[in-house]
Protein backbone atom coordinates (compact mmCIF):
# COMPACT_ATOMS: atom_id res chain seq x y z
CA MET A 1 93.67 114.81 76.71
CA ALA A 2 93.99 111.13 77.54
CA LEU A 3 91.03 109.25 78.96
CA THR A 4 91.22 108.65 82.67
CA SER A 5 89.04 106.83 85.13
CA VAL A 6 87.14 110.06 85.85
CA GLU A 7 86.18 110.84 82.25
CA PHE A 8 82.88 108.97 82.56
CA GLU A 9 82.51 108.76 86.33
CA ASN A 10 78.76 109.31 86.59
CA ILE A 11 77.67 106.90 83.86
CA ALA A 12 80.10 104.39 85.38
CA GLN A 13 78.43 104.65 88.79
CA LEU A 14 74.91 104.52 87.33
CA THR A 15 75.79 101.41 85.34
CA LYS A 16 77.39 99.52 88.20
CA LEU A 17 74.70 100.36 90.75
CA SER A 18 71.81 99.68 88.38
CA ARG A 19 73.29 96.40 87.18
CA LYS A 20 73.91 95.15 90.71
CA ASP A 21 70.46 96.29 91.87
CA ILE A 22 68.78 93.98 89.37
CA GLY A 23 71.28 91.15 89.87
CA MET A 24 72.72 91.20 86.36
CA THR A 25 76.31 90.22 85.56
CA GLN A 26 78.64 92.28 83.38
CA LEU A 27 78.49 89.52 80.78
CA GLU A 28 74.68 89.49 80.76
CA LEU A 29 74.53 93.26 80.25
CA SER A 30 77.22 93.16 77.58
CA GLU A 31 75.29 90.50 75.68
CA LYS A 32 72.08 92.55 75.87
CA LEU A 33 74.05 95.48 74.42
CA GLY A 34 75.32 93.28 71.60
CA TYR A 35 78.84 92.51 72.80
CA SER A 36 80.26 89.00 73.03
CA ASN A 37 82.07 89.33 76.37
CA GLY A 38 81.90 91.39 79.56
CA GLN A 39 84.84 93.67 78.74
CA PHE A 40 82.69 96.53 77.43
CA VAL A 41 80.67 96.74 80.65
CA SER A 42 83.83 96.39 82.71
CA ASN A 43 85.31 99.37 80.85
CA LEU A 44 82.07 101.31 81.23
CA GLU A 45 81.93 100.68 84.98
CA ARG A 46 85.56 101.76 85.42
CA GLY A 47 84.87 105.00 83.56
CA VAL A 48 87.25 104.11 80.73
CA CYS A 49 84.62 104.56 78.03
CA GLY A 50 81.25 106.15 77.57
CA LEU A 51 78.00 104.68 76.35
CA PRO A 52 77.56 104.76 72.56
CA ARG A 53 74.44 106.68 71.54
CA LYS A 54 73.18 103.74 69.49
CA LYS A 55 73.12 101.60 72.66
CA MET A 56 71.25 104.04 74.93
CA LYS A 57 67.70 102.68 74.46
CA ILE A 58 68.84 99.09 74.99
CA TYR A 59 70.87 100.18 78.05
CA CYS A 60 67.86 101.87 79.67
CA LYS A 61 65.59 98.92 79.02
CA ALA A 62 68.10 96.31 80.20
CA LEU A 63 68.95 98.14 83.44
CA LYS A 64 65.49 99.60 84.04
CA VAL A 65 67.03 103.08 84.07
CA LYS A 66 64.86 106.09 83.28
CA ARG A 67 66.07 107.91 80.18
CA VAL A 68 66.10 111.18 82.07
CA ASP A 69 68.50 109.70 84.63
CA MET A 70 70.83 108.39 81.94
CA VAL A 71 70.86 111.74 80.15
CA ARG A 72 71.48 113.56 83.44
CA VAL A 73 74.57 111.53 84.32
CA ILE A 74 75.99 111.77 80.80
CA LEU A 75 75.54 115.55 80.89
CA GLU A 76 77.21 115.70 84.31
CA ASP A 77 80.21 113.85 82.89
CA CYS A 78 80.36 116.20 79.89
CA GLU A 79 80.10 119.25 82.13
CA ALA A 80 82.90 118.01 84.39
CA ARG A 81 85.18 117.45 81.38
CA LEU A 82 84.40 120.91 80.00
CA TRP A 83 85.18 122.61 83.32
CA ARG A 84 88.46 120.70 83.59
CA ASP A 85 89.39 121.73 80.04
CA LEU A 86 88.61 125.39 80.78
CA LYS A 87 90.89 125.59 83.82
C-alpha cells in the first residue's frame, strides 16, 4: 500500500497545531530534531511520513507535547491503517 496523506493524519495535526501554538517554524523544529532543513517537518505535517521512534523524546520536549498525547495520536493512526487494510 502506497503512503497517502492520510497515513499519518493524527500525528500530522498534532505536529502542526503544537508547533504553531508555540510559534516555532518548520525549520526550527527540524533543526531541534537533527535535520538540516524544514522538509522533514513539512512531510510530517502533510502526513507523508511518521515520526521516527528515536526522535520521539526530542519531539515532545521541543513542542511541549505530553508523551501520552503523542502515543495516543500515533496509535490512532496505526489503528486507522489497520482497519483500512482489513476492509
